[in-house]
Amino acid sequence: MDFSDHKTIQKSFAWIKKHLDPSKSYIIFENDLNKQTLSILLDSHIAYQYLKKANYAWKKVVDPGCSKEYLVIQTDLGNEDETLGKVMGYGFSKDIVYYLYKAEKKME
């Protein structure tokens, strides 16, 4: 998945999972537009200011087939839970679904 730009793409959740790098960690926010009409992908959302300032990479994904949108954030290894807490504090609904994918540990 290309995180070099923040353009919204149209893909499915299955596509997202297939394209995650197992050596990196991610937080994925899922917003069901059938239940909550306010988009989490609006550039004006305060969370994006935090993500920019903290230098996180992210991608916006919309699945029009099931009326869901996703914010995929690549996080620092070992700080996944802390990052999740900080991002949630920037105004995401308490009802929003999130997934936490932690990097696979390398065997020595």
N, C-alpha and C. Protein backbone atom coordinates (compact mmCIF):
# COMPACT_ATOMS: atom_id res chain seq x y z
N MET A 1 0.85 -1.17 0.00
CA MET A 1 0.00 0.00 0.00
C MET A 1 0.90 1.24 0.00
N ASP A 2 0.60 2.18 -0.83
CA ASP A 2 1.40 3.39 -0.97
C ASP A 2 0.93 4.46 0.00
N PHE A 3 1.78 4.80 0.96
CA PHE A 3 1.45 5.81 1.95
C PHE A 3 2.07 7.16 1.60
N SER A 4 2.65 7.29 0.40
CA SER A 4 3.36 8.52 0.05
C SER A 4 2.42 9.69 -0.22
N ASP A 5 1.16 9.41 -0.47
CA ASP A 5 0.18 10.50 -0.60
C ASP A 5 -1.02 10.16 0.28
N HIS A 6 -1.85 11.14 0.50
CA HIS A 6 -3.00 10.92 1.37
C HIS A 6 -4.31 10.96 0.58
N LYS A 7 -4.22 10.63 -0.70
CA LYS A 7 -5.42 10.59 -1.52
C LYS A 7 -6.28 9.41 -1.12
N THR A 8 -7.59 9.60 -1.22
CA THR A 8 -8.54 8.54 -0.91
C THR A 8 -8.61 7.57 -2.07
N ILE A 9 -8.55 6.28 -1.76
CA ILE A 9 -8.68 5.26 -2.80
C ILE A 9 -9.93 4.42 -2.52
N GLN A 10 -10.40 3.73 -3.53
CA GLN A 10 -11.57 2.86 -3.38
C GLN A 10 -11.11 1.40 -3.42
N LYS A 11 -11.16 0.77 -2.26
CA LYS A 11 -10.78 -0.64 -2.12
C LYS A 11 -11.60 -1.25 -1.00
N SER A 12 -11.49 -2.55 -0.82
CA SER A 12 -12.23 -3.26 0.22
C SER A 12 -11.34 -3.49 1.45
N PHE A 13 -11.95 -3.89 2.56
CA PHE A 13 -11.20 -4.22 3.77
C PHE A 13 -10.29 -5.43 3.50
N ALA A 14 -10.78 -6.38 2.74
CA ALA A 14 -9.96 -7.55 2.40
C ALA A 14 -8.71 -7.11 1.64
N TRP A 15 -8.85 -6.15 0.75
CA TRP A 15 -7.71 -5.63 0.00
C TRP A 15 -6.71 -4.98 0.95
N ILE A 16 -7.23 -4.19 1.90
CA ILE A 16 -6.35 -3.53 2.87
C ILE A 16 -5.52 -4.57 3.62
N LYS A 17 -6.19 -5.58 4.18
CA LYS A 17 -5.47 -6.60 4.97
C LYS A 17 -4.42 -7.31 4.13
N LYS A 18 -4.74 -7.56 2.88
CA LYS A 18 -3.81 -8.26 1.99
C LYS A 18 -2.55 -7.43 1.72
N HIS A 19 -2.68 -6.11 1.79
CA HIS A 19 -1.57 -5.22 1.42
C HIS A 19 -0.84 -4.61 2.61
N LEU A 20 -1.08 -5.10 3.81
CA LEU A 20 -0.34 -4.62 4.97
C LEU A 20 1.02 -5.30 5.02
N ASP A 21 2.04 -4.55 5.32
CA ASP A 21 3.39 -5.09 5.46
C ASP A 21 3.51 -5.74 6.83
N PRO A 22 3.77 -7.05 6.92
CA PRO A 22 3.83 -7.73 8.22
C PRO A 22 4.96 -7.25 9.12
N SER A 23 5.91 -6.51 8.59
CA SER A 23 7.01 -6.01 9.41
C SER A 23 6.68 -4.65 10.04
N LYS A 24 5.48 -4.14 9.76
CA LYS A 24 5.05 -2.84 10.30
C LYS A 24 3.76 -3.00 11.07
N SER A 25 3.45 -2.02 11.91
CA SER A 25 2.21 -2.05 12.68
C SER A 25 1.23 -1.02 12.14
N TYR A 26 -0.06 -1.32 12.34
CA TYR A 26 -1.11 -0.46 11.79
C TYR A 26 -2.29 -0.35 12.74
N ILE A 27 -2.96 0.80 12.67
CA ILE A 27 -4.27 0.98 13.27
C ILE A 27 -5.20 1.25 12.10
N ILE A 28 -6.31 0.53 12.07
CA ILE A 28 -7.30 0.76 11.02
C ILE A 28 -8.61 1.15 11.69
N PHE A 29 -9.09 2.35 11.37
CA PHE A 29 -10.39 2.80 11.84
C PHE A 29 -11.41 2.51 10.75
N GLU A 30 -12.54 1.94 11.15
CA GLU A 30 -13.61 1.60 10.22
C GLU A 30 -14.85 2.40 10.59
N ASN A 31 -15.38 3.13 9.64
CA ASN A 31 -16.60 3.91 9.86
C ASN A 31 -17.68 3.38 8.93
N ASP A 32 -18.79 2.93 9.51
CA ASP A 32 -19.94 2.44 8.75
C ASP A 32 -20.85 3.63 8.48
N LEU A 33 -20.90 4.07 7.24
CA LEU A 33 -21.68 5.25 6.88
C LEU A 33 -23.18 5.00 6.94
N ASN A 34 -23.59 3.74 7.10
CA ASN A 34 -25.01 3.45 7.29
C ASN A 34 -25.43 3.75 8.74
N LYS A 35 -24.47 3.77 9.64
CA LYS A 35 -24.75 4.02 11.07
C LYS A 35 -24.35 5.42 11.51
N GLN A 36 -23.31 5.94 10.89
CA GLN A 36 -22.81 7.26 11.25
C GLN A 36 -22.49 8.01 9.96
N THR A 37 -23.20 9.07 9.70
CA THR A 37 -23.04 9.77 8.42
C THR A 37 -21.85 10.71 8.38
N LEU A 38 -21.29 11.06 9.53
CA LEU A 38 -20.14 11.96 9.55
C LEU A 38 -18.88 11.20 9.15
N SER A 39 -18.25 11.64 8.09
CA SER A 39 -17.06 10.97 7.57
C SER A 39 -15.85 11.18 8.48
N ILE A 40 -15.06 10.13 8.62
CA ILE A 40 -13.79 10.24 9.35
C ILE A 40 -12.65 10.62 8.40
N LEU A 41 -12.96 10.75 7.12
CA LEU A 41 -11.92 11.01 6.13
C LEU A 41 -11.81 12.48 5.75
N LEU A 42 -12.59 13.34 6.39
CA LEU A 42 -12.53 14.77 6.08
C LEU A 42 -11.18 15.33 6.50
N ASP A 43 -10.51 16.04 5.60
CA ASP A 43 -9.20 16.62 5.89
C ASP A 43 -9.26 17.59 7.06
N SER A 44 -10.44 18.15 7.32
CA SER A 44 -10.58 19.12 8.40
C SER A 44 -10.62 18.47 9.78
N HIS A 45 -10.69 17.14 9.84
CA HIS A 45 -10.74 16.44 11.14
C HIS A 45 -9.43 16.70 11.87
N ILE A 46 -9.52 17.07 13.13
CA ILE A 46 -8.34 17.46 13.93
C ILE A 46 -7.30 16.32 14.05
N ALA A 47 -7.73 15.09 13.93
CA ALA A 47 -6.80 13.97 14.04
C ALA A 47 -5.71 14.04 12.96
N TYR A 48 -6.04 14.58 11.79
CA TYR A 48 -5.05 14.65 10.71
C TYR A 48 -3.94 15.64 11.04
N GLN A 49 -4.26 16.68 11.80
CA GLN A 49 -3.22 17.62 12.23
C GLN A 49 -2.22 16.89 13.14
N TYR A 50 -2.74 16.07 14.05
CA TYR A 50 -1.87 15.29 14.93
C TYR A 50 -1.01 14.32 14.12
N LEU A 51 -1.63 13.60 13.18
CA LEU A 51 -0.89 12.63 12.38
C LEU A 51 0.22 13.29 11.58
N LYS A 52 -0.06 14.46 11.02
CA LYS A 52 0.97 15.20 10.28
C LYS A 52 2.10 15.63 11.21
N LYS A 53 1.73 16.23 12.34
CA LYS A 53 2.74 16.73 13.28
C LYS A 53 3.62 15.60 13.82
N ALA A 54 3.03 14.44 14.08
CA ALA A 54 3.76 13.29 14.61
C ALA A 54 4.46 12.48 13.52
N ASN A 55 4.30 12.88 12.28
CA ASN A 55 4.96 12.24 11.13
C ASN A 55 4.48 10.81 10.86
N TYR A 56 3.21 10.54 11.07
CA TYR A 56 2.67 9.22 10.76
C TYR A 56 2.28 9.15 9.29
N ALA A 57 2.37 7.96 8.74
CA ALA A 57 1.91 7.71 7.37
C ALA A 57 0.51 7.14 7.46
N TRP A 58 -0.37 7.58 6.58
CA TRP A 58 -1.73 7.05 6.59
C TRP A 58 -2.32 7.03 5.19
N LYS A 59 -3.37 6.26 5.06
CA LYS A 59 -4.09 6.13 3.79
C LYS A 59 -5.58 6.12 4.08
N LYS A 60 -6.34 6.81 3.24
CA LYS A 60 -7.80 6.84 3.35
C LYS A 60 -8.37 5.90 2.31
N VAL A 61 -9.27 5.03 2.75
CA VAL A 61 -9.84 4.03 1.85
C VAL A 61 -11.36 4.04 1.99
N VAL A 62 -12.05 4.01 0.86
CA VAL A 62 -13.51 3.94 0.85
C VAL A 62 -13.92 2.67 0.13
N ASP A 63 -14.88 1.95 0.72
CA ASP A 63 -15.47 0.78 0.07
C ASP A 63 -16.94 1.12 -0.21
N PRO A 64 -17.21 1.65 -1.42
CA PRO A 64 -18.58 2.07 -1.73
C PRO A 64 -19.57 0.91 -1.79
N GLY A 65 -19.09 -0.29 -1.98
CA GLY A 65 -19.96 -1.46 -2.05
C GLY A 65 -20.66 -1.77 -0.75
N CYS A 66 -20.02 -1.42 0.38
CA CYS A 66 -20.64 -1.69 1.68
C CYS A 66 -20.77 -0.42 2.52
N SER A 67 -20.60 0.74 1.89
CA SER A 67 -20.74 2.04 2.56
C SER A 67 -19.87 2.15 3.81
N LYS A 68 -18.62 1.74 3.68
CA LYS A 68 -17.67 1.86 4.79
C LYS A 68 -16.45 2.62 4.32
N GLU A 69 -15.84 3.29 5.28
CA GLU A 69 -14.60 4.00 4.99
C GLU A 69 -13.59 3.62 6.06
N TYR A 70 -12.32 3.67 5.66
CA TYR A 70 -11.24 3.22 6.54
C TYR A 70 -10.13 4.25 6.56
N LEU A 71 -9.56 4.44 7.73
CA LEU A 71 -8.35 5.22 7.88
C LEU A 71 -7.28 4.25 8.35
N VAL A 72 -6.27 4.05 7.50
CA VAL A 72 -5.19 3.11 7.81
C VAL A 72 -3.97 3.92 8.21
N ILE A 73 -3.53 3.75 9.45
CA ILE A 73 -2.39 4.51 9.98
C ILE A 73 -1.25 3.54 10.26
N GLN A 74 -0.10 3.84 9.70
CA GLN A 74 1.10 3.05 9.98
C GLN A 74 1.72 3.61 11.26
N THR A 75 1.93 2.77 12.27
CA THR A 75 2.37 3.25 13.58
C THR A 75 3.80 2.82 13.89
N ASP A 76 4.34 3.43 14.92
CA ASP A 76 5.67 3.06 15.40
C ASP A 76 5.60 1.70 16.08
N LEU A 77 6.60 0.88 15.86
CA LEU A 77 6.67 -0.42 16.49
C LEU A 77 6.79 -0.26 18.00
N GLY A 78 5.97 -0.99 18.72
CA GLY A 78 6.00 -0.96 20.17
C GLY A 78 5.15 0.14 20.79
N ASN A 79 4.68 1.08 19.99
CA ASN A 79 3.85 2.18 20.51
C ASN A 79 2.43 2.14 19.96
N GLU A 80 2.01 0.98 19.50
CA GLU A 80 0.71 0.88 18.84
C GLU A 80 -0.44 1.29 19.77
N ASP A 81 -0.44 0.78 21.00
CA ASP A 81 -1.53 1.07 21.93
C ASP A 81 -1.55 2.56 22.32
N GLU A 82 -0.38 3.11 22.55
CA GLU A 82 -0.28 4.53 22.90
C GLU A 82 -0.77 5.40 21.75
N THR A 83 -0.38 5.07 20.54
CA THR A 83 -0.82 5.83 19.37
C THR A 83 -2.33 5.74 19.20
N LEU A 84 -2.88 4.56 19.39
CA LEU A 84 -4.33 4.37 19.30
C LEU A 84 -5.04 5.30 20.28
N GLY A 85 -4.58 5.33 21.52
CA GLY A 85 -5.18 6.19 22.53
C GLY A 85 -5.12 7.66 22.15
N LYS A 86 -3.98 8.09 21.64
CA LYS A 86 -3.83 9.49 21.25
C LYS A 86 -4.76 9.85 20.10
N VAL A 87 -4.82 9.00 19.08
CA VAL A 87 -5.68 9.30 17.93
C VAL A 87 -7.15 9.30 18.34
N MET A 88 -7.55 8.35 19.18
CA MET A 88 -8.94 8.31 19.64
C MET A 88 -9.30 9.59 20.40
N GLY A 89 -8.33 10.19 21.06
CA GLY A 89 -8.55 11.41 21.82
C GLY A 89 -8.81 12.63 20.96
N TYR A 90 -8.64 12.50 19.66
CA TYR A 90 -8.85 13.63 18.75
C TYR A 90 -10.22 13.62 18.10
N GLY A 91 -11.20 13.09 18.79
CA GLY A 91 -12.57 13.29 18.36
C GLY A 91 -13.23 12.19 17.55
N PHE A 92 -12.62 11.03 17.48
CA PHE A 92 -13.33 9.93 16.82
C PHE A 92 -14.43 9.45 17.74
N SER A 93 -15.52 9.05 17.16
CA SER A 93 -16.66 8.56 17.93
C SER A 93 -16.26 7.35 18.76
N LYS A 94 -16.82 7.24 19.97
CA LYS A 94 -16.53 6.07 20.81
C LYS A 94 -17.11 4.80 20.20
N ASP A 95 -18.02 4.96 19.23
CA ASP A 95 -18.64 3.81 18.58
C ASP A 95 -17.87 3.32 17.36
N ILE A 96 -16.81 4.01 17.01
CA ILE A 96 -16.05 3.63 15.82
C ILE A 96 -15.32 2.31 16.07
N VAL A 97 -15.24 1.51 15.04
CA VAL A 97 -14.54 0.22 15.13
C VAL A 97 -13.09 0.45 14.75
N TYR A 98 -12.19 -0.19 15.47
CA TYR A 98 -10.78 -0.10 15.09
C TYR A 98 -10.15 -1.49 15.17
N TYR A 99 -9.11 -1.65 14.38
CA TYR A 99 -8.33 -2.89 14.35
C TYR A 99 -6.89 -2.50 14.58
N LEU A 100 -6.20 -3.30 15.36
CA LEU A 100 -4.80 -3.05 15.66
C LEU A 100 -4.00 -4.24 15.13
N TYR A 101 -3.10 -3.96 14.20
CA TYR A 101 -2.24 -5.00 13.63
C TYR A 101 -0.82 -4.71 14.08
N LYS A 102 -0.26 -5.58 14.87
CA LYS A 102 1.11 -5.39 15.36
C LYS A 102 2.07 -6.17 14.47
N ALA A 103 3.23 -5.60 14.26
CA ALA A 103 4.24 -6.21 13.41
C ALA A 103 4.62 -7.58 13.94
N GLU A 104 4.91 -8.47 13.02
CA GLU A 104 5.37 -9.80 13.41
C GLU A 104 6.76 -9.69 14.01
N LYS A 105 6.98 -10.38 15.10
CA LYS A 105 8.30 -10.36 15.73
C LYS A 105 9.24 -11.25 14.93
N LYS A 106 10.44 -10.71 14.72
CA LYS A 106 11.43 -11.48 13.97
C LYS A 106 12.08 -12.51 14.88
N MET A 107 12.26 -13.69 14.36
CA MET A 107 12.93 -14.76 15.11
C MET A 107 14.44 -14.56 14.97
N GLU A 108 15.14 -14.70 16.06
CA GLU A 108 16.61 -14.52 16.01
C GLU A 108 17.30 -15.84 15.94
